[in-house]
Amino acid sequence: MNLKDKKCVPCEGGILPFTEEQANEFINSGKGWKLAGKKIEKEFTFKDFLANVDFVNKAASISEAEGHHPDILIYSWNKLRITIWTHSIGGLSENDFILAAKIDELKL
């Protein structure tokens, strides 16, 4: 099953975060996502500020529907960085890669 077709499962801790090896297996399936310590992140560039904000709103809607909330940073009017990790375990889980795959489905 494709990650984008999966649903995030609520995580309240009690599981171990991915090892670096596990994270590397998943990161290769993402489109431009990079490991950043115990997180994944991706940068986006838009034609203008409104396109940036529109994308943020779409990503926020997906995140809310999945119950999994990334850090979203708009900077330099047309740039965006999204950082994802599972807060309750202090590292990465499959949920992070599911959300990343769903965000990748959005049209820039």
N, C-alpha and C. Protein backbone atom coordinates (compact mmCIF):
# COMPACT_ATOMS: atom_id res chain seq x y z
N MET A 1 0.84 -1.18 0.00
CA MET A 1 0.00 0.00 0.00
C MET A 1 0.88 1.24 0.00
N ASN A 2 0.50 2.22 -0.79
CA ASN A 2 1.20 3.49 -0.88
C ASN A 2 1.01 4.28 0.42
N LEU A 3 2.03 4.97 0.87
CA LEU A 3 1.92 5.75 2.11
C LEU A 3 0.78 6.76 2.05
N LYS A 4 0.58 7.40 0.89
CA LYS A 4 -0.46 8.43 0.78
C LYS A 4 -1.85 7.85 0.96
N ASP A 5 -2.00 6.53 0.82
CA ASP A 5 -3.29 5.88 0.96
C ASP A 5 -3.55 5.39 2.38
N LYS A 6 -2.55 5.52 3.24
CA LYS A 6 -2.70 5.09 4.64
C LYS A 6 -3.25 6.24 5.48
N LYS A 7 -3.64 5.93 6.69
CA LYS A 7 -4.16 6.91 7.64
C LYS A 7 -3.22 6.94 8.85
N CYS A 8 -2.94 8.13 9.34
CA CYS A 8 -2.15 8.25 10.55
C CYS A 8 -2.90 7.61 11.72
N VAL A 9 -2.16 6.87 12.55
CA VAL A 9 -2.72 6.21 13.72
C VAL A 9 -2.32 7.02 14.94
N PRO A 10 -3.28 7.40 15.79
CA PRO A 10 -2.92 8.18 16.98
C PRO A 10 -1.81 7.51 17.78
N CYS A 11 -0.85 8.32 18.18
CA CYS A 11 0.29 7.82 18.94
C CYS A 11 0.42 8.65 20.22
N GLU A 12 0.34 7.97 21.34
CA GLU A 12 0.48 8.67 22.62
C GLU A 12 1.72 8.20 23.35
N GLY A 13 2.69 7.74 22.60
CA GLY A 13 3.91 7.25 23.21
C GLY A 13 3.85 5.74 23.36
N GLY A 14 4.82 5.20 24.08
CA GLY A 14 4.83 3.77 24.32
C GLY A 14 5.45 2.95 23.19
N ILE A 15 5.89 3.62 22.12
CA ILE A 15 6.59 2.93 21.05
C ILE A 15 7.94 3.61 20.85
N LEU A 16 8.84 2.88 20.28
CA LEU A 16 10.16 3.46 20.02
C LEU A 16 10.15 4.22 18.71
N PRO A 17 10.85 5.35 18.64
CA PRO A 17 10.98 6.04 17.36
C PRO A 17 11.81 5.19 16.40
N PHE A 18 11.67 5.48 15.13
CA PHE A 18 12.45 4.79 14.11
C PHE A 18 13.94 4.94 14.39
N THR A 19 14.67 3.90 14.07
CA THR A 19 16.13 4.00 14.07
C THR A 19 16.52 4.80 12.82
N GLU A 20 17.77 5.20 12.75
CA GLU A 20 18.24 5.92 11.57
C GLU A 20 18.08 5.05 10.31
N GLU A 21 18.34 3.76 10.46
CA GLU A 21 18.21 2.84 9.34
C GLU A 21 16.75 2.77 8.85
N GLN A 22 15.81 2.66 9.79
CA GLN A 22 14.39 2.63 9.41
C GLN A 22 13.99 3.94 8.74
N ALA A 23 14.42 5.05 9.30
CA ALA A 23 14.08 6.36 8.73
C ALA A 23 14.63 6.48 7.31
N ASN A 24 15.85 5.99 7.09
CA ASN A 24 16.44 6.05 5.75
C ASN A 24 15.65 5.23 4.74
N GLU A 25 15.10 4.10 5.17
CA GLU A 25 14.27 3.29 4.27
C GLU A 25 13.05 4.09 3.81
N PHE A 26 12.42 4.79 4.73
CA PHE A 26 11.22 5.56 4.40
C PHE A 26 11.55 6.84 3.64
N ILE A 27 12.64 7.50 4.00
CA ILE A 27 12.96 8.80 3.38
C ILE A 27 13.17 8.65 1.88
N ASN A 28 13.64 7.51 1.46
CA ASN A 28 13.85 7.29 0.03
C ASN A 28 12.56 7.24 -0.77
N SER A 29 11.42 7.03 -0.09
CA SER A 29 10.14 7.01 -0.79
C SER A 29 9.54 8.41 -0.92
N GLY A 30 10.11 9.38 -0.22
CA GLY A 30 9.60 10.75 -0.25
C GLY A 30 10.19 11.55 -1.39
N LYS A 31 9.49 12.59 -1.75
CA LYS A 31 9.91 13.46 -2.86
C LYS A 31 10.57 14.71 -2.30
N GLY A 32 11.86 14.63 -2.04
CA GLY A 32 12.58 15.82 -1.59
C GLY A 32 12.62 16.01 -0.09
N TRP A 33 12.05 15.09 0.68
CA TRP A 33 12.13 15.19 2.14
C TRP A 33 13.52 14.78 2.57
N LYS A 34 14.02 15.44 3.62
CA LYS A 34 15.36 15.15 4.13
C LYS A 34 15.29 14.87 5.62
N LEU A 35 16.18 14.00 6.07
CA LEU A 35 16.29 13.77 7.51
C LEU A 35 16.97 14.98 8.14
N ALA A 36 16.42 15.41 9.24
CA ALA A 36 16.98 16.53 10.00
C ALA A 36 17.02 16.10 11.46
N GLY A 37 18.03 15.33 11.80
CA GLY A 37 18.09 14.76 13.14
C GLY A 37 16.98 13.72 13.31
N LYS A 38 16.10 13.95 14.26
CA LYS A 38 14.99 13.02 14.52
C LYS A 38 13.70 13.50 13.87
N LYS A 39 13.85 14.30 12.82
CA LYS A 39 12.70 14.88 12.12
C LYS A 39 12.93 14.76 10.62
N ILE A 40 11.86 14.99 9.84
CA ILE A 40 12.02 15.15 8.40
C ILE A 40 11.54 16.54 8.03
N GLU A 41 12.13 17.10 6.98
CA GLU A 41 11.71 18.42 6.55
C GLU A 41 11.85 18.57 5.04
N LYS A 42 11.09 19.52 4.54
CA LYS A 42 11.12 19.81 3.11
C LYS A 42 10.89 21.30 2.94
N GLU A 43 11.58 21.87 1.95
CA GLU A 43 11.41 23.29 1.62
C GLU A 43 10.67 23.42 0.30
N PHE A 44 9.84 24.42 0.23
CA PHE A 44 9.03 24.70 -0.95
C PHE A 44 9.24 26.15 -1.36
N THR A 45 9.12 26.44 -2.65
CA THR A 45 9.19 27.81 -3.16
C THR A 45 7.95 28.05 -4.01
N PHE A 46 7.37 29.24 -3.86
CA PHE A 46 6.13 29.59 -4.54
C PHE A 46 6.30 30.86 -5.37
N LYS A 47 5.39 31.07 -6.30
CA LYS A 47 5.47 32.23 -7.18
C LYS A 47 5.18 33.53 -6.44
N ASP A 48 4.36 33.45 -5.39
CA ASP A 48 4.05 34.64 -4.61
C ASP A 48 3.56 34.25 -3.21
N PHE A 49 3.36 35.24 -2.39
CA PHE A 49 2.97 35.02 -1.00
C PHE A 49 1.61 34.33 -0.90
N LEU A 50 0.65 34.73 -1.72
CA LEU A 50 -0.68 34.13 -1.64
C LEU A 50 -0.67 32.65 -2.00
N ALA A 51 0.13 32.27 -2.98
CA ALA A 51 0.25 30.84 -3.33
C ALA A 51 0.86 30.07 -2.15
N ASN A 52 1.80 30.68 -1.47
CA ASN A 52 2.43 30.08 -0.30
C ASN A 52 1.39 29.85 0.79
N VAL A 53 0.62 30.88 1.11
CA VAL A 53 -0.39 30.78 2.16
C VAL A 53 -1.48 29.78 1.78
N ASP A 54 -1.86 29.74 0.52
CA ASP A 54 -2.86 28.77 0.06
C ASP A 54 -2.36 27.35 0.30
N PHE A 55 -1.11 27.09 -0.03
CA PHE A 55 -0.53 25.77 0.19
C PHE A 55 -0.49 25.43 1.68
N VAL A 56 -0.12 26.40 2.51
CA VAL A 56 -0.09 26.19 3.96
C VAL A 56 -1.48 25.79 4.45
N ASN A 57 -2.51 26.48 3.98
CA ASN A 57 -3.87 26.15 4.41
C ASN A 57 -4.27 24.74 4.00
N LYS A 58 -3.88 24.32 2.81
CA LYS A 58 -4.19 22.95 2.36
C LYS A 58 -3.42 21.93 3.20
N ALA A 59 -2.15 22.20 3.45
CA ALA A 59 -1.35 21.30 4.28
C ALA A 59 -1.91 21.23 5.70
N ALA A 60 -2.37 22.35 6.22
CA ALA A 60 -2.95 22.39 7.56
C ALA A 60 -4.24 21.56 7.62
N SER A 61 -5.05 21.63 6.59
CA SER A 61 -6.29 20.84 6.55
C SER A 61 -5.99 19.35 6.55
N ILE A 62 -5.01 18.94 5.74
CA ILE A 62 -4.62 17.53 5.71
C ILE A 62 -4.10 17.11 7.09
N SER A 63 -3.26 17.94 7.67
CA SER A 63 -2.67 17.63 8.97
C SER A 63 -3.74 17.48 10.04
N GLU A 64 -4.70 18.36 10.03
CA GLU A 64 -5.79 18.29 11.01
C GLU A 64 -6.61 17.02 10.81
N ALA A 65 -6.90 16.68 9.56
CA ALA A 65 -7.68 15.47 9.26
C ALA A 65 -6.93 14.21 9.72
N GLU A 66 -5.61 14.26 9.66
CA GLU A 66 -4.79 13.12 10.07
C GLU A 66 -4.48 13.13 11.57
N GLY A 67 -4.79 14.24 12.24
CA GLY A 67 -4.47 14.35 13.66
C GLY A 67 -2.98 14.36 13.92
N HIS A 68 -2.23 14.89 12.96
CA HIS A 68 -0.77 14.89 13.04
C HIS A 68 -0.28 16.26 12.56
N HIS A 69 0.34 17.03 13.44
CA HIS A 69 0.57 18.44 13.20
C HIS A 69 2.05 18.79 13.07
N PRO A 70 2.47 19.20 11.87
CA PRO A 70 3.87 19.57 11.64
C PRO A 70 4.16 21.01 12.07
N ASP A 71 5.43 21.34 12.10
CA ASP A 71 5.83 22.75 12.21
C ASP A 71 5.83 23.31 10.79
N ILE A 72 5.23 24.47 10.62
CA ILE A 72 5.14 25.11 9.31
C ILE A 72 5.70 26.52 9.44
N LEU A 73 6.72 26.82 8.64
CA LEU A 73 7.37 28.12 8.70
C LEU A 73 7.37 28.78 7.33
N ILE A 74 6.70 29.92 7.23
CA ILE A 74 6.78 30.75 6.02
C ILE A 74 7.90 31.76 6.26
N TYR A 75 8.78 31.87 5.27
CA TYR A 75 9.85 32.86 5.39
C TYR A 75 10.15 33.42 4.01
N SER A 76 10.70 34.60 3.98
CA SER A 76 11.07 35.26 2.74
C SER A 76 9.92 35.24 1.73
N TRP A 77 8.76 35.63 2.08
CA TRP A 77 7.50 35.75 1.34
C TRP A 77 7.13 34.60 0.43
N ASN A 78 8.07 33.92 -0.18
CA ASN A 78 7.70 32.85 -1.12
C ASN A 78 8.30 31.49 -0.73
N LYS A 79 8.83 31.39 0.45
CA LYS A 79 9.47 30.15 0.88
C LYS A 79 8.73 29.56 2.08
N LEU A 80 8.77 28.23 2.13
CA LEU A 80 8.07 27.50 3.18
C LEU A 80 8.91 26.30 3.59
N ARG A 81 8.97 26.04 4.89
CA ARG A 81 9.61 24.83 5.39
C ARG A 81 8.60 24.10 6.26
N ILE A 82 8.43 22.81 5.98
CA ILE A 82 7.58 21.96 6.80
C ILE A 82 8.47 20.93 7.48
N THR A 83 8.33 20.83 8.80
CA THR A 83 9.10 19.89 9.60
C THR A 83 8.12 18.97 10.32
N ILE A 84 8.37 17.66 10.19
CA ILE A 84 7.44 16.68 10.75
C ILE A 84 8.20 15.69 11.64
N TRP A 85 7.60 15.36 12.78
CA TRP A 85 8.06 14.29 13.64
C TRP A 85 6.93 13.96 14.60
N THR A 86 7.04 12.83 15.25
CA THR A 86 6.02 12.40 16.21
C THR A 86 6.44 12.91 17.58
N HIS A 87 5.77 13.96 18.01
CA HIS A 87 6.14 14.64 19.25
C HIS A 87 6.14 13.70 20.45
N SER A 88 5.13 12.83 20.54
CA SER A 88 4.96 11.99 21.73
C SER A 88 6.08 10.96 21.92
N ILE A 89 6.83 10.65 20.86
CA ILE A 89 7.93 9.70 21.00
C ILE A 89 9.29 10.37 20.77
N GLY A 90 9.26 11.66 20.45
CA GLY A 90 10.50 12.40 20.26
C GLY A 90 11.33 11.94 19.08
N GLY A 91 10.65 11.49 18.04
CA GLY A 91 11.36 11.02 16.86
C GLY A 91 10.38 10.69 15.75
N LEU A 92 10.82 9.85 14.84
CA LEU A 92 10.04 9.55 13.65
C LEU A 92 9.26 8.24 13.77
N SER A 93 8.07 8.24 13.17
CA SER A 93 7.24 7.05 13.07
C SER A 93 6.67 7.00 11.66
N GLU A 94 5.98 5.94 11.35
CA GLU A 94 5.37 5.83 10.03
C GLU A 94 4.41 6.99 9.76
N ASN A 95 3.74 7.48 10.80
CA ASN A 95 2.81 8.61 10.64
C ASN A 95 3.46 9.80 9.95
N ASP A 96 4.71 10.07 10.27
CA ASP A 96 5.41 11.22 9.70
C ASP A 96 5.54 11.09 8.19
N PHE A 97 5.83 9.89 7.74
CA PHE A 97 6.00 9.65 6.31
C PHE A 97 4.66 9.58 5.58
N ILE A 98 3.63 9.15 6.28
CA ILE A 98 2.27 9.18 5.72
C ILE A 98 1.87 10.62 5.47
N LEU A 99 2.05 11.48 6.48
CA LEU A 99 1.68 12.89 6.32
C LEU A 99 2.51 13.54 5.21
N ALA A 100 3.80 13.26 5.16
CA ALA A 100 4.65 13.82 4.11
C ALA A 100 4.14 13.41 2.73
N ALA A 101 3.76 12.16 2.57
CA ALA A 101 3.26 11.68 1.28
C ALA A 101 1.96 12.38 0.90
N LYS A 102 1.11 12.63 1.87
CA LYS A 102 -0.15 13.33 1.59
C LYS A 102 0.11 14.80 1.21
N ILE A 103 1.06 15.43 1.88
CA ILE A 103 1.41 16.81 1.53
C ILE A 103 2.00 16.86 0.13
N ASP A 104 2.77 15.84 -0.24
CA ASP A 104 3.36 15.80 -1.58
C ASP A 104 2.29 15.71 -2.67
N GLU A 105 1.11 15.28 -2.35
CA GLU A 105 0.04 15.17 -3.32
C GLU A 105 -0.59 16.53 -3.67
N LEU A 106 -0.35 17.53 -2.82
CA LEU A 106 -0.90 18.86 -3.07
C LEU A 106 -0.26 19.49 -4.30
N LYS A 107 -1.04 20.23 -5.02
CA LYS A 107 -0.51 20.93 -6.21
C LYS A 107 0.16 22.22 -5.77
N LEU A 108 1.37 22.45 -6.27
CA LEU A 108 2.08 23.70 -5.94
C LEU A 108 1.53 24.84 -6.76
